[in-house]
Amino acid sequence: MGKLNSILADECGQGMVEYGLIVGLIAAVVAIILMTMSSRLTGVYSNLNNQIP
């Protein structure tokens, strides 16, 4: 029982999990921003393409 308690009390990987969650949240926010801005970006690139001879 003592070994099980020491395994459950070990918090070595906790920091990495938190960093992983933060990176995942940032990636999700960037993906949402890109999805909402996709029509505007398409228009900008279409205009640039039409102006270049």
PDB file of N, CA and C in Angstrom:
ATOM      1  N   MET A   1       0.821  -1.205   0.000  1.00  0.00           N
ATOM      2  CA  MET A   1       0.000   0.000   0.000  1.00  0.00           C
ATOM      3  C   MET A   1       0.857   1.257   0.000  1.00  0.00           C
ATOM      4  N   GLY A   2       2.016   1.200   0.628  1.00  0.00           N
ATOM      5  CA  GLY A   2       2.907   2.347   0.677  1.00  0.00           C
ATOM      6  C   GLY A   2       3.449   2.702  -0.701  1.00  0.00           C
ATOM      7  N   LYS A   3       3.732   1.667  -1.512  1.00  0.00           N
ATOM      8  CA  LYS A   3       4.238   1.923  -2.862  1.00  0.00           C
ATOM      9  C   LYS A   3       3.159   2.566  -3.724  1.00  0.00           C
ATOM     10  N   LEU A   4       1.915   2.134  -3.594  1.00  0.00           N
ATOM     11  CA  LEU A   4       0.807   2.722  -4.350  1.00  0.00           C
ATOM     12  C   LEU A   4       0.620   4.189  -3.974  1.00  0.00           C
ATOM     13  N   ASN A   5       0.713   4.507  -2.701  1.00  0.00           N
ATOM     14  CA  ASN A   5       0.585   5.899  -2.260  1.00  0.00           C
ATOM     15  C   ASN A   5       1.722   6.762  -2.811  1.00  0.00           C
ATOM     16  N   SER A   6       2.939   6.205  -2.867  1.00  0.00           N
ATOM     17  CA  SER A   6       4.052   6.988  -3.393  1.00  0.00           C
ATOM     18  C   SER A   6       3.903   7.223  -4.899  1.00  0.00           C
ATOM     19  N   ILE A   7       3.337   6.252  -5.619  1.00  0.00           N
ATOM     20  CA  ILE A   7       3.102   6.427  -7.053  1.00  0.00           C
ATOM     21  C   ILE A   7       2.029   7.488  -7.284  1.00  0.00           C
ATOM     22  N   LEU A   8       0.968   7.445  -6.498  1.00  0.00           N
ATOM     23  CA  LEU A   8      -0.120   8.408  -6.653  1.00  0.00           C
ATOM     24  C   LEU A   8       0.307   9.811  -6.225  1.00  0.00           C
ATOM     25  N   ALA A   9       1.241   9.919  -5.303  1.00  0.00           N
ATOM     26  CA  ALA A   9       1.677  11.224  -4.811  1.00  0.00           C
ATOM     27  C   ALA A   9       2.759  11.838  -5.704  1.00  0.00           C
ATOM     28  N   ASP A  10       3.337  11.041  -6.620  1.00  0.00           N
ATOM     29  CA  ASP A  10       4.391  11.542  -7.502  1.00  0.00           C
ATOM     30  C   ASP A  10       3.803  12.516  -8.510  1.00  0.00           C
ATOM     31  N   GLU A  11       4.393  13.725  -8.602  1.00  0.00           N
ATOM     32  CA  GLU A  11       3.883  14.769  -9.485  1.00  0.00           C
ATOM     33  C   GLU A  11       4.916  15.188 -10.528  1.00  0.00           C
ATOM     34  N   CYS A  12       5.812  14.294 -10.896  1.00  0.00           N
ATOM     35  CA  CYS A  12       6.881  14.635 -11.839  1.00  0.00           C
ATOM     36  C   CYS A  12       6.350  15.007 -13.216  1.00  0.00           C
ATOM     37  N   GLY A  13       5.334  14.317 -13.705  1.00  0.00           N
ATOM     38  CA  GLY A  13       4.815  14.574 -15.039  1.00  0.00           C
ATOM     39  C   GLY A  13       3.752  15.651 -15.094  1.00  0.00           C
ATOM     40  N   GLN A  14       3.402  16.212 -13.974  1.00  0.00           N
ATOM     41  CA  GLN A  14       2.323  17.198 -13.926  1.00  0.00           C
ATOM     42  C   GLN A  14       2.662  18.443 -14.738  1.00  0.00           C
ATOM     43  N   GLY A  15       3.878  18.918 -14.664  1.00  0.00           N
ATOM     44  CA  GLY A  15       4.275  20.120 -15.397  1.00  0.00           C
ATOM     45  C   GLY A  15       4.185  19.921 -16.896  1.00  0.00           C
ATOM     46  N   MET A  16       4.629  18.754 -17.371  1.00  0.00           N
ATOM     47  CA  MET A  16       4.576  18.480 -18.804  1.00  0.00           C
ATOM     48  C   MET A  16       3.134  18.391 -19.295  1.00  0.00           C
ATOM     49  N   VAL A  17       2.256  17.836 -18.500  1.00  0.00           N
ATOM     50  CA  VAL A  17       0.845  17.761 -18.880  1.00  0.00           C
ATOM     51  C   VAL A  17       0.259  19.161 -18.976  1.00  0.00           C
ATOM     52  N   GLU A  18       0.607  20.016 -18.056  1.00  0.00           N
ATOM     53  CA  GLU A  18       0.106  21.390 -18.087  1.00  0.00           C
ATOM     54  C   GLU A  18       0.614  22.125 -19.321  1.00  0.00           C
ATOM     55  N   TYR A  19       1.890  21.956 -19.657  1.00  0.00           N
ATOM     56  CA  TYR A  19       2.428  22.578 -20.860  1.00  0.00           C
ATOM     57  C   TYR A  19       1.732  22.028 -22.102  1.00  0.00           C
ATOM     58  N   GLY A  20       1.471  20.741 -22.117  1.00  0.00           N
ATOM     59  CA  GLY A  20       0.771  20.132 -23.242  1.00  0.00           C
ATOM     60  C   GLY A  20      -0.630  20.695 -23.405  1.00  0.00           C
ATOM     61  N   LEU A  21      -1.331  20.900 -22.303  1.00  0.00           N
ATOM     62  CA  LEU A  21      -2.673  21.483 -22.358  1.00  0.00           C
ATOM     63  C   LEU A  21      -2.634  22.924 -22.859  1.00  0.00           C
ATOM     64  N   ILE A  22      -1.646  23.679 -22.434  1.00  0.00           N
ATOM     65  CA  ILE A  22      -1.515  25.069 -22.886  1.00  0.00           C
ATOM     66  C   ILE A  22      -1.234  25.113 -24.383  1.00  0.00           C
ATOM     67  N   VAL A  23      -0.313  24.263 -24.854  1.00  0.00           N
ATOM     68  CA  VAL A  23       0.002  24.222 -26.286  1.00  0.00           C
ATOM     69  C   VAL A  23      -1.229  23.794 -27.085  1.00  0.00           C
ATOM     70  N   GLY A  24      -1.980  22.831 -26.576  1.00  0.00           N
ATOM     71  CA  GLY A  24      -3.200  22.399 -27.253  1.00  0.00           C
ATOM     72  C   GLY A  24      -4.236  23.504 -27.320  1.00  0.00           C
ATOM     73  N   LEU A  25      -4.368  24.264 -26.260  1.00  0.00           N
ATOM     74  CA  LEU A  25      -5.317  25.377 -26.237  1.00  0.00           C
ATOM     75  C   LEU A  25      -4.910  26.457 -27.237  1.00  0.00           C
ATOM     76  N   ILE A  26      -3.620  26.768 -27.278  1.00  0.00           N
ATOM     77  CA  ILE A  26      -3.146  27.770 -28.233  1.00  0.00           C
ATOM     78  C   ILE A  26      -3.382  27.298 -29.660  1.00  0.00           C
ATOM     79  N   ALA A  27      -3.117  26.021 -29.939  1.00  0.00           N
ATOM     80  CA  ALA A  27      -3.337  25.481 -31.283  1.00  0.00           C
ATOM     81  C   ALA A  27      -4.811  25.548 -31.661  1.00  0.00           C
ATOM     82  N   ALA A  28      -5.703  25.257 -30.718  1.00  0.00           N
ATOM     83  CA  ALA A  28      -7.135  25.322 -30.998  1.00  0.00           C
ATOM     84  C   ALA A  28      -7.571  26.754 -31.291  1.00  0.00           C
ATOM     85  N   VAL A  29      -7.055  27.723 -30.546  1.00  0.00           N
ATOM     86  CA  VAL A  29      -7.410  29.125 -30.774  1.00  0.00           C
ATOM     87  C   VAL A  29      -6.920  29.586 -32.143  1.00  0.00           C
ATOM     88  N   VAL A  30      -5.693  29.207 -32.509  1.00  0.00           N
ATOM     89  CA  VAL A  30      -5.161  29.579 -33.821  1.00  0.00           C
ATOM     90  C   VAL A  30      -5.995  28.949 -34.929  1.00  0.00           C
ATOM     91  N   ALA A  31      -6.391  27.692 -34.769  1.00  0.00           N
ATOM     92  CA  ALA A  31      -7.216  27.027 -35.777  1.00  0.00           C
ATOM     93  C   ALA A  31      -8.566  27.718 -35.927  1.00  0.00           C
ATOM     94  N   ILE A  32      -9.169  28.116 -34.824  1.00  0.00           N
ATOM     95  CA  ILE A  32     -10.463  28.805 -34.883  1.00  0.00           C
ATOM     96  C   ILE A  32     -10.317  30.158 -35.569  1.00  0.00           C
ATOM     97  N   ILE A  33      -9.252  30.878 -35.253  1.00  0.00           N
ATOM     98  CA  ILE A  33      -9.017  32.182 -35.892  1.00  0.00           C
ATOM     99  C   ILE A  33      -8.825  32.011 -37.390  1.00  0.00           C
ATOM    100  N   LEU A  34      -8.044  31.014 -37.794  1.00  0.00           N
ATOM    101  CA  LEU A  34      -7.821  30.793 -39.217  1.00  0.00           C
ATOM    102  C   LEU A  34      -9.105  30.388 -39.938  1.00  0.00           C
ATOM    103  N   MET A  35      -9.954  29.608 -39.292  1.00  0.00           N
ATOM    104  CA  MET A  35     -11.216  29.213 -39.922  1.00  0.00           C
ATOM    105  C   MET A  35     -12.147  30.411 -40.095  1.00  0.00           C
ATOM    106  N   THR A  36     -12.170  31.313 -39.125  1.00  0.00           N
ATOM    107  CA  THR A  36     -13.054  32.467 -39.237  1.00  0.00           C
ATOM    108  C   THR A  36     -12.514  33.508 -40.211  1.00  0.00           C
ATOM    109  N   MET A  37     -11.208  33.542 -40.390  1.00  0.00           N
ATOM    110  CA  MET A  37     -10.596  34.523 -41.279  1.00  0.00           C
ATOM    111  C   MET A  37     -10.348  33.980 -42.686  1.00  0.00           C
ATOM    112  N   SER A  38     -10.733  32.734 -42.959  1.00  0.00           N
ATOM    113  CA  SER A  38     -10.368  32.105 -44.227  1.00  0.00           C
ATOM    114  C   SER A  38     -10.966  32.831 -45.433  1.00  0.00           C
ATOM    115  N   SER A  39     -12.194  33.308 -45.337  1.00  0.00           N
ATOM    116  CA  SER A  39     -12.792  33.987 -46.482  1.00  0.00           C
ATOM    117  C   SER A  39     -12.089  35.316 -46.756  1.00  0.00           C
ATOM    118  N   ARG A  40     -11.714  36.022 -45.715  1.00  0.00           N
ATOM    119  CA  ARG A  40     -10.975  37.277 -45.905  1.00  0.00           C
ATOM    120  C   ARG A  40      -9.594  37.022 -46.503  1.00  0.00           C
ATOM    121  N   LEU A  41      -8.929  35.999 -46.010  1.00  0.00           N
ATOM    122  CA  LEU A  41      -7.603  35.681 -46.541  1.00  0.00           C
ATOM    123  C   LEU A  41      -7.681  35.238 -47.994  1.00  0.00           C
ATOM    124  N   THR A  42      -8.715  34.498 -48.346  1.00  0.00           N
ATOM    125  CA  THR A  42      -8.894  34.081 -49.731  1.00  0.00           C
ATOM    126  C   THR A  42      -9.073  35.301 -50.626  1.00  0.00           C
ATOM    127  N   GLY A  43      -9.841  36.266 -50.176  1.00  0.00           N
ATOM    128  CA  GLY A  43     -10.043  37.490 -50.946  1.00  0.00           C
ATOM    129  C   GLY A  43      -8.753  38.272 -51.120  1.00  0.00           C
ATOM    130  N   VAL A  44      -7.973  38.364 -50.083  1.00  0.00           N
ATOM    131  CA  VAL A  44      -6.703  39.098 -50.149  1.00  0.00           C
ATOM    132  C   VAL A  44      -5.771  38.427 -51.154  1.00  0.00           C
ATOM    133  N   TYR A  45      -5.634  37.119 -51.076  1.00  0.00           N
ATOM    134  CA  TYR A  45      -4.747  36.417 -51.993  1.00  0.00           C
ATOM    135  C   TYR A  45      -5.275  36.445 -53.422  1.00  0.00           C
ATOM    136  N   SER A  46      -6.571  36.435 -53.615  1.00  0.00           N
ATOM    137  CA  SER A  46      -7.151  36.539 -54.960  1.00  0.00           C
ATOM    138  C   SER A  46      -6.848  37.913 -55.557  1.00  0.00           C
ATOM    139  N   ASN A  47      -6.998  38.958 -54.767  1.00  0.00           N
ATOM    140  CA  ASN A  47      -6.677  40.305 -55.234  1.00  0.00           C
ATOM    141  C   ASN A  47      -5.199  40.442 -55.604  1.00  0.00           C
ATOM    142  N   LEU A  48      -4.340  39.891 -54.766  1.00  0.00           N
ATOM    143  CA  LEU A  48      -2.909  39.932 -55.060  1.00  0.00           C
ATOM    144  C   LEU A  48      -2.593  39.166 -56.337  1.00  0.00           C
ATOM    145  N   ASN A  49      -3.215  38.024 -56.507  1.00  0.00           N
ATOM    146  CA  ASN A  49      -2.983  37.215 -57.700  1.00  0.00           C
ATOM    147  C   ASN A  49      -3.450  37.944 -58.959  1.00  0.00           C
ATOM    148  N   ASN A  50      -4.547  38.655 -58.872  1.00  0.00           N
ATOM    149  CA  ASN A  50      -5.062  39.378 -60.032  1.00  0.00           C
ATOM    150  C   ASN A  50      -4.215  40.593 -60.361  1.00  0.00           C
ATOM    151  N   GLN A  51      -3.548  41.182 -59.390  1.00  0.00           N
ATOM    152  CA  GLN A  51      -2.753  42.386 -59.629  1.00  0.00           C
ATOM    153  C   GLN A  51      -1.357  42.069 -60.163  1.00  0.00           C
ATOM    154  N   ILE A  52      -0.883  40.863 -59.938  1.00  0.00           N
ATOM    155  CA  ILE A  52       0.443  40.491 -60.423  1.00  0.00           C
ATOM    156  C   ILE A  52       0.317  40.054 -61.884  1.00  0.00           C
ATOM    157  N   PRO A  53       1.114  40.679 -62.775  1.00  0.00           N
ATOM    158  CA  PRO A  53       0.983  40.324 -64.194  1.00  0.00           C
ATOM    159  C   PRO A  53       1.568  38.942 -64.508  1.00  0.00           C
TER     160      PRO A  53
END
